[in-house]
Protein backbone atom coordinates (compact mmCIF):
# COMPACT_ATOMS: atom_id res chain seq x y z
CA ILE A 1 7.31 -23.77 1.48
CA THR A 2 9.43 -22.60 -1.46
CA VAL A 3 12.56 -22.57 0.01
CA ALA A 4 11.89 -26.14 2.36
CA THR A 5 10.74 -27.51 -1.37
CA MET A 6 14.39 -26.55 -2.72
CA LEU A 7 16.17 -27.87 0.17
CA PHE A 8 14.53 -31.26 0.29
CA ALA A 9 15.37 -31.57 -3.55
CA GLN A 10 18.73 -30.64 -3.01
CA LYS A 11 19.32 -33.35 -0.72
CA MET A 12 17.06 -35.99 -2.20
CA LEU A 13 17.77 -34.98 -6.01
CA SER A 14 21.24 -34.14 -8.45
CA PRO A 15 22.02 -30.88 -8.56
CA THR A 16 20.83 -30.43 -12.11
CA THR A 17 17.61 -32.11 -11.23
CA ALA A 18 17.23 -30.25 -8.19
CA SER A 19 17.73 -26.94 -9.91
CA ALA A 20 15.21 -27.82 -12.76
CA THR A 21 12.69 -28.64 -10.00
CA GLY A 22 13.33 -25.66 -8.41
CA LEU A 23 13.28 -23.65 -11.36
CA ALA A 24 10.03 -25.36 -12.41
CA LEU A 25 8.40 -24.71 -9.12
CA GLU A 26 8.78 -20.96 -8.78
CA LEU A 27 7.51 -20.84 -12.47
CA ALA A 28 4.79 -22.67 -11.29
CA LEU A 29 4.28 -20.23 -8.09
CA SER A 30 4.65 -16.96 -10.06
CA ALA A 31 2.13 -18.16 -12.34
CA GLY A 32 -0.41 -18.74 -9.64
CA ALA A 33 0.52 -15.73 -7.87
CA ALA A 34 0.00 -14.06 -11.70
CA TRP A 35 -3.29 -15.59 -11.69
CA LEU A 36 -4.25 -14.72 -8.26
CA PHE A 37 -3.62 -10.98 -8.83
CA THR A 38 -5.72 -11.08 -12.54
CA GLN A 39 -8.50 -12.32 -10.49
CA TRP A 40 -8.27 -9.84 -7.60
CA LEU A 41 -7.97 -6.86 -10.22
CA SER A 42 -10.41 -8.02 -12.13
CA TYR A 43 -13.12 -8.30 -9.36
CA ARG A 44 -11.47 -4.58 -8.34
CA THR A 45 -12.30 -3.17 -11.60
CA GLN A 46 -15.84 -4.72 -12.18
CA VAL A 47 -16.89 -3.27 -8.90
CA LEU A 48 -15.47 0.22 -10.03
CA LEU A 49 -17.08 -0.31 -13.62
CA ARG A 50 -20.39 -1.03 -11.97
CA GLY A 51 -20.03 2.01 -9.82
CA ILE A 52 -19.59 4.01 -12.61
CA ASN A 53 -22.69 2.58 -14.41
CA ALA A 54 -24.91 3.19 -11.22
CA SER A 55 -23.81 7.11 -11.29
CA LEU A 56 -24.37 6.96 -15.26
CA SER A 57 -28.01 5.87 -14.75
CA GLY A 58 -28.92 7.89 -11.82
CA ARG A 59 -28.58 5.11 -9.27
CA GLU A 60 -26.30 6.32 -6.90
CA GLN A 61 -27.86 4.31 -4.28
CA GLU A 62 -26.06 1.35 -5.61
CA MET A 63 -22.53 3.11 -5.96
CA PRO A 64 -19.73 1.20 -3.28
CA SER A 65 -19.68 2.93 -0.14
CA ASP A 66 -16.50 1.51 0.78
CA LEU A 67 -13.83 -0.57 -0.67
CA PRO A 68 -11.42 -2.74 1.54
CA ASP A 69 -8.12 -1.61 -0.65
CA GLU A 70 -6.84 1.91 -1.61
CA LEU A 71 -6.91 0.78 -5.59
CA PHE A 72 -9.98 2.73 -6.20
CA GLY A 73 -10.91 3.71 -2.78
CA GLU A 74 -10.08 7.18 -3.60
CA LEU A 75 -11.55 7.29 -7.57
CA ILE A 76 -15.04 6.05 -6.64
CA PRO A 77 -15.63 8.99 -4.41
CA SER A 78 -13.90 11.42 -6.84
CA TRP A 79 -15.99 9.99 -10.04
CA GLN A 80 -18.86 10.59 -7.65
CA GLY A 81 -18.26 14.10 -7.11
CA VAL A 82 -17.71 14.79 -10.70
CA LEU A 83 -20.63 12.53 -11.72
CA LYS A 84 -22.72 14.97 -9.08
CA GLY A 85 -21.15 18.13 -10.72
CA LEU A 86 -22.74 16.81 -14.11
CA HIS A 87 -26.01 16.16 -12.88
CA GLU A 88 -26.28 19.89 -11.28
CA THR A 89 -25.06 21.29 -14.49
CA ARG A 90 -27.83 19.55 -16.78
CA ARG A 91 -30.63 20.05 -14.31
CA GLU A 92 -29.58 23.72 -14.79
CA LYS A 93 -28.98 23.75 -18.62
CA GLN A 94 -32.75 22.11 -18.62
CA ASP A 95 -34.29 24.64 -16.49
CA GLU A 96 -32.71 27.06 -18.90
CA ALA A 97 -34.27 25.35 -21.60
CA SER A 98 -37.53 25.41 -20.16
CA LEU A 99 -37.11 28.95 -19.12
CA LEU A 100 -36.47 29.85 -22.57
CA TYR A 101 -39.02 28.07 -24.08
CA GLU A 102 -41.45 29.83 -22.19
CA THR A 103 -40.38 33.05 -22.73
CA LEU A 104 -40.79 32.04 -26.46
CA THR A 105 -44.20 30.83 -26.47
CA GLU A 106 -45.06 33.70 -24.35
CA LEU A 107 -44.05 35.92 -27.16
CA MET A 108 -45.44 34.06 -29.48
CA ARG A 109 -48.93 34.39 -27.99
CA MET A 110 -48.06 38.04 -27.36
CA ILE A 111 -47.38 38.49 -31.28
CA ALA A 112 -50.53 36.47 -32.22
CA LYS A 113 -52.36 38.36 -29.85
CA ALA A 114 -50.73 41.89 -31.58
CA VAL A 115 -52.08 40.37 -35.06
CA ASP A 116 -55.42 39.75 -33.71
CA GLU A 117 -55.97 43.23 -32.20
CA ARG A 118 -55.38 45.03 -35.64
CA THR A 119 -59.25 44.43 -36.26
CA ILE A 120 -62.17 43.94 -34.03
CA TYR A 121 -63.45 41.23 -35.67
CA LEU A 122 -60.47 39.35 -35.36
CA ARG A 123 -59.66 39.66 -31.44
CA GLY A 124 -58.93 36.96 -29.91
CA HIS A 125 -58.83 34.25 -33.23
CA SER A 126 -55.59 32.83 -33.21
CA GLU A 127 -55.68 31.72 -29.40
CA ARG A 128 -59.17 29.87 -30.27
CA VAL A 129 -57.82 28.33 -33.38
CA ALA A 130 -54.94 27.39 -31.52
CA ALA A 131 -57.31 25.47 -28.79
CA TYR A 132 -59.35 23.78 -31.41
CA ALA A 133 -56.15 22.76 -33.26
CA ALA A 134 -55.01 21.39 -30.17
CA SER A 135 -58.22 19.42 -29.05
CA ILE A 136 -58.26 17.62 -32.68
CA ALA A 137 -54.62 16.62 -32.48
CA TRP A 138 -55.42 15.34 -28.78
CA LYS A 139 -58.50 13.62 -29.67
CA LEU A 140 -56.16 11.94 -32.91
CA GLY A 141 -54.12 10.76 -30.09
CA LEU A 142 -51.10 12.22 -31.02
CA GLU A 143 -48.29 12.47 -28.30
CA GLN A 144 -47.94 15.75 -25.81
CA ALA A 145 -45.32 17.01 -27.62
CA GLN A 146 -46.76 17.11 -30.89
CA VAL A 147 -49.92 18.72 -29.90
CA GLU A 148 -47.81 21.64 -28.36
CA ARG A 149 -46.33 22.13 -31.54
CA ILE A 150 -49.72 22.12 -33.66
CA ARG A 151 -50.78 24.57 -30.95
CA LEU A 152 -48.19 27.03 -31.32
CA SER A 153 -48.19 26.67 -35.33
CA ALA A 154 -52.00 27.35 -35.06
CA LEU A 155 -51.46 30.19 -33.04
CA LEU A 156 -48.91 31.97 -35.40
CA HIS A 157 -51.16 30.75 -38.67
CA ASP A 158 -51.93 34.49 -39.27
CA ILE A 159 -48.37 36.21 -38.32
CA GLY A 160 -48.08 36.82 -42.24
CA CYS A 161 -50.85 39.61 -41.88
CA MET A 162 -48.07 41.89 -40.66
CA GLY A 163 -46.94 41.90 -43.92
CA VAL A 164 -50.75 43.06 -45.45
CA GLU A 165 -51.23 46.56 -45.44
CA ASP A 166 -53.74 48.05 -42.88
CA TYR A 167 -56.36 49.29 -45.19
CA LEU A 168 -56.75 45.73 -46.65
CA VAL A 169 -56.94 44.58 -43.09
CA MET A 170 -59.39 46.70 -41.84
CA LYS A 171 -61.46 47.31 -44.69
CA GLN A 172 -65.02 47.26 -44.36
CA THR A 173 -66.84 46.62 -47.61
CA PRO A 174 -65.65 43.41 -49.83
CA LEU A 175 -62.11 43.41 -51.33
CA THR A 176 -61.53 43.30 -55.18
CA VAL A 177 -59.93 40.32 -56.99
CA GLU A 178 -56.55 41.85 -57.12
CA GLU A 179 -57.06 42.76 -53.14
CA PHE A 180 -57.92 39.63 -51.78
CA GLU A 181 -54.94 38.18 -53.77
CA ILE A 182 -52.40 40.54 -51.79
CA VAL A 183 -54.42 39.30 -48.59
CA LYS A 184 -54.05 35.51 -49.54
CA ALA A 185 -50.19 36.16 -49.90
CA HIS A 186 -50.29 36.17 -46.03
CA THR A 187 -49.61 32.33 -45.88
CA VAL A 188 -46.15 32.49 -47.86
CA LYS A 189 -45.38 35.50 -45.96
CA GLY A 190 -45.91 34.17 -42.44
CA ALA A 191 -44.15 31.28 -43.55
CA ALA A 192 -41.12 33.15 -44.52
CA ILE A 193 -41.00 34.97 -41.14
CA LEU A 194 -40.63 31.58 -39.50
CA ARG A 195 -38.54 29.80 -41.76
CA PRO A 196 -35.26 31.49 -40.69
CA ILE A 197 -35.88 30.60 -37.30
CA THR A 198 -34.55 26.88 -36.59
CA MET A 199 -36.70 26.33 -33.17
CA LEU A 200 -39.79 27.36 -35.40
CA ARG A 201 -39.16 25.73 -38.44
CA ASP A 202 -41.57 22.27 -38.33
CA LEU A 203 -44.13 25.07 -37.54
CA VAL A 204 -44.03 26.44 -40.75
CA PRO A 205 -46.32 23.85 -42.89
CA GLY A 206 -48.95 24.74 -40.45
CA VAL A 207 -48.83 28.44 -41.09
CA GLU A 208 -47.77 28.37 -44.94
CA LEU A 209 -50.94 25.87 -45.68
CA HIS A 210 -53.59 26.52 -43.08
CA HIS A 211 -55.74 27.79 -46.12
CA GLU A 212 -55.14 24.75 -48.11
CA SER A 213 -58.49 22.31 -48.87
CA LEU A 214 -59.10 18.85 -49.46
CA ASP A 215 -60.82 19.48 -52.60
CA GLY A 216 -57.72 21.59 -54.16
CA LEU A 217 -59.67 24.84 -54.05
CA GLY A 218 -57.36 26.67 -51.24
CA TYR A 219 -54.66 28.32 -51.29
CA PRO A 220 -51.43 29.08 -51.75
CA TYR A 221 -50.60 26.28 -53.86
CA GLY A 222 -54.27 24.36 -54.73
CA LEU A 223 -53.35 21.25 -52.87
CA GLU A 224 -55.57 18.31 -53.10
CA ALA A 225 -55.96 15.15 -50.96
C-alpha cells in the first residue's frame, strides 16, 4: 500500500510535494505500527503478570496454560517451576517449625513434671494450673494462639522452684519468715530462666507475676489493680 501510494503521489504531485507526502505517510504508518506493537506487548505483559500474581497467591489453576507467541511462552512455565520449588520449601520450613514447637512444648511439659515430682503434694500441680488457665483464657474469648501461650506460661509457672533448695521444698513443718522469703524468690528465678530464651520471652509475665494479688498483698512486687 505504501509503495502504491508513493507511485501515485509521484505521478499526480510535484517531486517536492510527492517526497513530503511519502515521508509523512511513512511516519504515519511507522507510528501506527509502533502503537500496535505497544498494545500487543502490553497485553502479553499483562498476561504474564496475571500468571505471576496467580502463582504468588496460590491460584496456579489461573496460570495461562499456553501462549500463542514465544515472547513469554517459556518464561511462565519456568516461573511456575520456581514458584513450585518455593512453595515446597515453605511447606518444609513450616513442617520443621511445627515439629520444633511440638518438641519444645513437650520439653516444657517434662520440665514442669520434673519440678512437681520433687514433692508428693505438688505432683500434677503444673498440669492442673495450665488446664485451668487455658480454660479461663478460652472463656474470655481469647484467640487460640493466645490461649496456648497462656497455657504454656502456666505450665512453667513454678520452674523457678528448681533454684530453691530441696530441704525447703520438701519441708514438712511451717517455713520460717526467712525461709518463706527464699521460697518466694522462685517467681523471679523462673523469669530469669526464661527471659534469655527469645521464643519463651512472652511467657515471662505469667511466671514472674503468678503470685501477685489484686489487693496488692501478693509478691514479688506487691502489684495492685
